[in-house]
Amino acid sequence: MADYQTIRAGVSGARAVEIDQGLRAHMNKVYATMSGGMLITAAAAWAIANLAVTADPTGATVALREGQYLTGLGEVLYTTPLRWVVMFAPLAFILFGWGALMSRASASAVSLGFFVFAAVMGVSMSSIFLVFTSFSIVQTFLVTAVAFGALSLYGYTTKRDLSGMGTFLMMGVIGLIVAMIINIFLQSPAMMFAISAIGVLLFAGLTAFYTQDIKSTYVAHAAHGDQEWLDKAAIDGALSLYIAFLNMFQFLLMFMGQRE
């Protein structure tokens, strides 16, 4: 990873100021894009959850709890094989679709792809409103936001090179995904607890790592003047931070969430 201070020290004073201004604008775009994705995800999850549940038992065949029943949409999303498609569609897009979109599409198309992904993620996450109380969801979100802000700030300001931990963390995430898939069938509470604890630590580390990587990538390529590439890099960085935030939130919800 290119070191920010090393690159900046190798340019003239006027150019250094230009790099600093460009970096601030780039990071603002990253956080703004990420925030837009988060809003879309939250709105989609809340809307689908409300459409999936009804208090009217007429025609309902699945009861969640006393006074709450799944609508036809809820049954399709949460009780049929479609639930596996909804669950794994975001992961499939990241693994097989995002790289192709980044390499072949324009910056505007990449941005649209990110926001569509955020909406699909909202559908995938809508079930949390059926399992956890709204208060605990909001509380966990706020805790995650504070932790994310502190970790991202550390990644942005630290002079320590975090690139060495990137490979280790990504290997940990792959192992975590495998463990989660296995536990879908085992349904082990102890294993779920361990997955949640490790998941929080992994994505906390990735938040700092991604932030530093976004910063260093911008500085290393800013001199080339390829604005289209930098625009796509900002969206790619926003996606990385978005995924880190959502995963931290979901794993923390396992600890802090109060179930309905």
Protein backbone atom coordinates (compact mmCIF):
# COMPACT_ATOMS: atom_id res chain seq x y z
CA MET A 1 0.00 0.00 0.00
CA ALA A 2 1.31 3.43 -0.92
CA ASP A 3 2.08 5.49 2.16
CA TYR A 4 0.25 8.82 2.23
CA GLN A 5 3.00 10.80 3.95
CA THR A 6 5.69 9.42 1.63
CA ILE A 7 3.79 10.37 -1.51
CA ARG A 8 2.78 13.76 -0.16
CA ALA A 9 6.36 14.56 0.87
CA GLY A 10 7.52 13.97 -2.69
CA VAL A 11 5.45 16.78 -4.26
CA SER A 12 5.66 20.56 -4.19
CA GLY A 13 3.80 22.66 -1.64
CA ALA A 14 1.08 23.74 -4.07
CA ARG A 15 0.59 20.17 -5.29
CA ALA A 16 0.47 18.89 -1.70
CA VAL A 17 -2.33 21.35 -0.92
CA GLU A 18 -4.18 20.20 -4.04
CA ILE A 19 -3.83 16.56 -2.99
CA ASP A 20 -5.14 17.36 0.50
CA GLN A 21 -8.18 19.17 -0.92
CA GLY A 22 -8.85 16.40 -3.41
CA LEU A 23 -8.54 13.76 -0.70
CA ARG A 24 -11.07 15.54 1.52
CA ALA A 25 -13.52 15.76 -1.37
CA HIS A 26 -12.91 12.09 -2.22
CA MET A 27 -13.50 10.93 1.35
CA ASN A 28 -16.63 13.10 1.61
CA LYS A 29 -17.95 11.38 -1.51
CA VAL A 30 -17.14 7.96 -0.06
CA TYR A 31 -19.00 8.67 3.18
CA ALA A 32 -21.92 10.37 1.41
CA THR A 33 -22.35 7.40 -0.96
CA MET A 34 -22.13 4.96 1.93
CA SER A 35 -24.70 6.95 3.92
CA GLY A 36 -27.06 7.00 0.94
CA GLY A 37 -26.75 3.23 0.67
CA MET A 38 -27.45 2.84 4.38
CA LEU A 39 -30.62 4.95 4.11
CA ILE A 40 -31.86 2.87 1.16
CA THR A 41 -31.13 -0.36 3.03
CA ALA A 42 -32.93 0.82 6.17
CA ALA A 43 -35.95 2.06 4.20
CA ALA A 44 -36.19 -1.15 2.16
CA ALA A 45 -35.86 -3.38 5.25
CA TRP A 46 -38.49 -1.42 7.19
CA ALA A 47 -40.92 -1.31 4.26
CA ILE A 48 -40.66 -5.02 3.46
CA ALA A 49 -40.98 -5.98 7.13
CA ASN A 50 -44.17 -3.93 7.42
CA LEU A 51 -45.61 -5.46 4.25
CA ALA A 52 -44.71 -8.96 5.44
CA VAL A 53 -46.58 -8.80 8.76
CA THR A 54 -50.22 -8.14 9.54
CA ALA A 55 -52.44 -8.12 12.62
CA ASP A 56 -55.37 -9.46 10.59
CA PRO A 57 -55.58 -13.26 10.85
CA THR A 58 -57.99 -13.49 7.90
CA GLY A 59 -56.41 -15.72 5.28
CA ALA A 60 -53.14 -15.96 7.21
CA THR A 61 -51.56 -19.40 7.49
CA VAL A 62 -48.43 -18.57 9.49
CA ALA A 63 -48.51 -16.94 12.93
CA LEU A 64 -45.38 -15.21 14.19
CA ARG A 65 -46.68 -14.62 17.67
CA GLU A 66 -49.97 -13.63 19.27
CA GLY A 67 -51.57 -10.90 17.18
CA GLN A 68 -49.01 -11.02 14.36
CA TYR A 69 -49.21 -13.06 11.18
CA LEU A 70 -47.27 -13.32 7.95
CA THR A 71 -48.90 -11.88 4.87
CA GLY A 72 -48.64 -13.62 1.52
CA LEU A 73 -45.48 -11.67 0.80
CA GLY A 74 -44.04 -12.63 4.17
CA GLU A 75 -44.72 -16.31 3.58
CA VAL A 76 -43.00 -16.20 0.19
CA LEU A 77 -39.96 -14.33 1.49
CA TYR A 78 -39.44 -16.16 4.77
CA THR A 79 -40.93 -19.67 4.46
CA THR A 80 -40.30 -20.78 0.86
CA PRO A 81 -37.03 -21.64 -0.92
CA LEU A 82 -36.98 -18.02 -2.10
CA ARG A 83 -35.58 -17.12 1.32
CA TRP A 84 -32.25 -18.69 0.30
CA VAL A 85 -32.15 -16.54 -2.82
CA VAL A 86 -32.89 -13.43 -0.74
CA MET A 87 -30.27 -14.43 1.82
CA PHE A 88 -27.41 -15.15 -0.59
CA ALA A 89 -28.16 -12.72 -3.45
CA PRO A 90 -26.05 -9.89 -1.93
CA LEU A 91 -23.09 -12.23 -1.37
CA ALA A 92 -23.36 -13.59 -4.92
CA PHE A 93 -23.38 -10.05 -6.32
CA ILE A 94 -20.24 -9.10 -4.40
CA LEU A 95 -18.39 -12.27 -5.40
CA PHE A 96 -19.40 -12.46 -9.05
CA GLY A 97 -20.96 -9.18 -10.17
CA TRP A 98 -19.22 -6.24 -8.57
CA GLY A 99 -15.79 -6.80 -10.12
CA ALA A 100 -17.26 -6.98 -13.62
CA LEU A 101 -19.31 -3.84 -13.00
CA MET A 102 -16.25 -1.94 -11.78
CA SER A 103 -14.11 -2.94 -14.77
CA ARG A 104 -16.67 -2.49 -17.56
CA ALA A 105 -19.28 0.07 -16.50
CA SER A 106 -19.19 3.85 -16.19
CA ALA A 107 -19.04 5.59 -12.81
CA SER A 108 -22.77 6.42 -12.99
CA ALA A 109 -23.63 2.77 -13.72
CA VAL A 110 -21.42 1.61 -10.84
CA SER A 111 -23.19 4.09 -8.55
CA LEU A 112 -26.60 2.78 -9.67
CA GLY A 113 -25.40 -0.78 -9.11
CA PHE A 114 -24.36 0.10 -5.56
CA PHE A 115 -27.75 1.59 -4.70
CA VAL A 116 -29.60 -1.38 -6.23
CA PHE A 117 -27.40 -3.66 -4.15
CA ALA A 118 -28.27 -1.60 -1.05
CA ALA A 119 -32.00 -2.07 -1.75
CA VAL A 120 -31.56 -5.85 -2.19
CA MET A 121 -29.58 -5.92 1.05
CA GLY A 122 -32.50 -4.18 2.74
CA VAL A 123 -34.85 -6.96 1.59
CA SER A 124 -32.37 -9.54 2.85
CA MET A 125 -32.15 -7.83 6.26
CA SER A 126 -35.87 -7.15 6.68
CA SER A 127 -36.34 -10.20 8.90
CA ILE A 128 -34.51 -8.48 11.77
CA PHE A 129 -37.67 -6.40 12.34
CA LEU A 130 -39.58 -9.66 12.85
CA VAL A 131 -37.07 -11.01 15.37
CA PHE A 132 -35.81 -8.00 17.37
CA THR A 133 -37.60 -5.05 18.96
CA SER A 134 -37.39 -1.73 17.14
CA PHE A 135 -35.78 -0.11 20.19
CA SER A 136 -32.93 -2.63 20.31
CA ILE A 137 -32.36 -2.28 16.55
CA VAL A 138 -32.05 1.50 16.84
CA GLN A 139 -29.89 1.20 19.96
CA THR A 140 -27.52 -1.25 18.27
CA PHE A 141 -27.36 0.93 15.16
CA LEU A 142 -26.29 3.94 17.22
CA VAL A 143 -23.62 1.92 19.04
CA THR A 144 -22.36 0.61 15.70
CA ALA A 145 -22.29 4.15 14.26
CA VAL A 146 -20.15 5.42 17.15
CA ALA A 147 -17.76 2.46 16.93
CA PHE A 148 -17.57 2.74 13.14
CA GLY A 149 -16.81 6.47 13.32
CA ALA A 150 -13.99 5.93 15.82
CA LEU A 151 -12.47 3.04 13.86
CA SER A 152 -12.68 4.87 10.53
CA LEU A 153 -11.11 7.96 12.08
CA TYR A 154 -8.27 5.80 13.38
CA GLY A 155 -7.75 4.29 9.94
CA TYR A 156 -7.66 7.75 8.38
CA THR A 157 -5.30 9.40 10.85
CA THR A 158 -2.93 6.63 11.94
CA LYS A 159 0.62 6.62 10.56
CA ARG A 160 0.85 2.88 11.08
CA ASP A 161 0.64 0.84 7.87
CA LEU A 162 -2.40 -1.43 8.23
CA SER A 163 -1.93 -3.23 4.89
CA GLY A 164 -0.35 -6.23 6.61
CA MET A 165 -3.53 -7.02 8.51
CA GLY A 166 -5.74 -6.89 5.40
CA THR A 167 -4.94 -10.39 4.14
CA PHE A 168 -5.29 -11.86 7.62
CA LEU A 169 -8.68 -10.21 8.12
CA MET A 170 -10.02 -11.32 4.73
CA MET A 171 -8.96 -14.90 5.42
CA GLY A 172 -10.83 -14.62 8.70
CA VAL A 173 -13.96 -13.41 6.89
CA ILE A 174 -13.84 -16.37 4.50
CA GLY A 175 -13.61 -18.73 7.45
CA LEU A 176 -16.46 -16.88 9.13
CA ILE A 177 -18.72 -17.27 6.07
CA VAL A 178 -18.01 -21.00 5.98
CA ALA A 179 -18.81 -21.30 9.69
CA MET A 180 -22.06 -19.37 9.23
CA ILE A 181 -23.18 -21.63 6.38
CA ILE A 182 -22.40 -24.71 8.47
CA ASN A 183 -24.31 -23.30 11.43
CA ILE A 184 -27.41 -22.77 9.27
CA PHE A 185 -27.78 -26.55 9.45
CA LEU A 186 -26.31 -27.14 12.94
CA GLN A 187 -28.20 -24.30 14.66
CA SER A 188 -25.68 -24.28 17.52
CA PRO A 189 -26.12 -21.34 19.97
CA ALA A 190 -22.51 -21.67 21.17
CA MET A 191 -21.21 -21.58 17.61
CA MET A 192 -23.44 -18.59 16.84
CA PHE A 193 -22.04 -16.74 19.85
CA ALA A 194 -18.47 -17.42 18.73
CA ILE A 195 -19.29 -16.35 15.16
CA SER A 196 -20.80 -13.09 16.41
CA ALA A 197 -17.84 -12.25 18.64
CA ILE A 198 -15.27 -13.01 15.95
CA GLY A 199 -17.37 -11.18 13.35
CA VAL A 200 -17.42 -7.96 15.38
CA LEU A 201 -13.63 -8.05 15.78
CA LEU A 202 -12.97 -8.86 12.11
CA PHE A 203 -15.16 -6.10 10.71
CA ALA A 204 -13.90 -3.61 13.28
CA GLY A 205 -10.40 -4.24 11.95
CA LEU A 206 -11.60 -4.08 8.35
CA THR A 207 -13.21 -0.69 8.95
CA ALA A 208 -9.85 0.83 9.87
CA PHE A 209 -8.08 -1.08 7.10
CA TYR A 210 -10.56 -0.06 4.38
CA THR A 211 -10.43 3.60 5.42
CA GLN A 212 -6.64 3.71 5.17
CA ASP A 213 -6.75 1.80 1.88
CA ILE A 214 -9.25 4.27 0.37
CA LYS A 215 -7.07 7.19 1.44
CA SER A 216 -3.84 5.65 0.13
CA THR A 217 -5.43 4.54 -3.15
CA TYR A 218 -6.64 8.06 -3.85
CA VAL A 219 -3.25 9.63 -3.15
CA ALA A 220 -1.44 7.04 -5.28
CA HIS A 221 -3.68 7.68 -8.31
CA ALA A 222 -4.64 11.35 -7.97
CA ALA A 223 -1.67 12.47 -10.08
CA HIS A 224 -2.96 10.53 -13.10
CA GLY A 225 -5.98 12.81 -13.39
CA ASP A 226 -8.38 9.98 -14.30
CA GLN A 227 -11.51 11.37 -12.68
CA GLU A 228 -13.72 8.56 -13.99
CA TRP A 229 -11.51 5.98 -12.27
CA LEU A 230 -11.42 8.02 -9.05
CA ASP A 231 -15.22 8.32 -9.08
CA LYS A 232 -15.54 4.55 -9.36
CA ALA A 233 -12.89 4.09 -6.66
CA ALA A 234 -14.95 6.26 -4.32
CA ILE A 235 -18.03 4.07 -4.87
CA ASP A 236 -15.95 0.93 -4.38
CA GLY A 237 -14.61 2.37 -1.13
CA ALA A 238 -18.14 3.26 -0.04
CA LEU A 239 -19.21 -0.34 -0.67
CA SER A 240 -16.33 -1.69 1.43
CA LEU A 241 -17.18 0.56 4.39
CA TYR A 242 -20.92 -0.11 3.94
CA ILE A 243 -20.35 -3.86 4.18
CA ALA A 244 -18.08 -3.47 7.21
CA PHE A 245 -20.69 -1.31 8.97
CA LEU A 246 -23.62 -3.63 8.24
CA ASN A 247 -21.73 -6.70 9.36
CA MET A 248 -20.64 -5.05 12.59
CA PHE A 249 -24.25 -4.01 13.15
CA GLN A 250 -25.64 -7.49 12.56
CA PHE A 251 -23.09 -9.22 14.76
CA LEU A 252 -23.57 -6.68 17.55
CA LEU A 253 -27.32 -7.19 17.25
CA MET A 254 -26.78 -10.82 18.20
CA PHE A 255 -25.36 -9.57 21.54
CA MET A 256 -27.44 -6.45 22.20
CA GLY A 257 -30.72 -7.20 20.43
CA GLN A 258 -33.81 -7.80 22.51
CA ARG A 259 -35.98 -10.41 20.83
CA GLU A 260 -39.68 -9.98 20.30
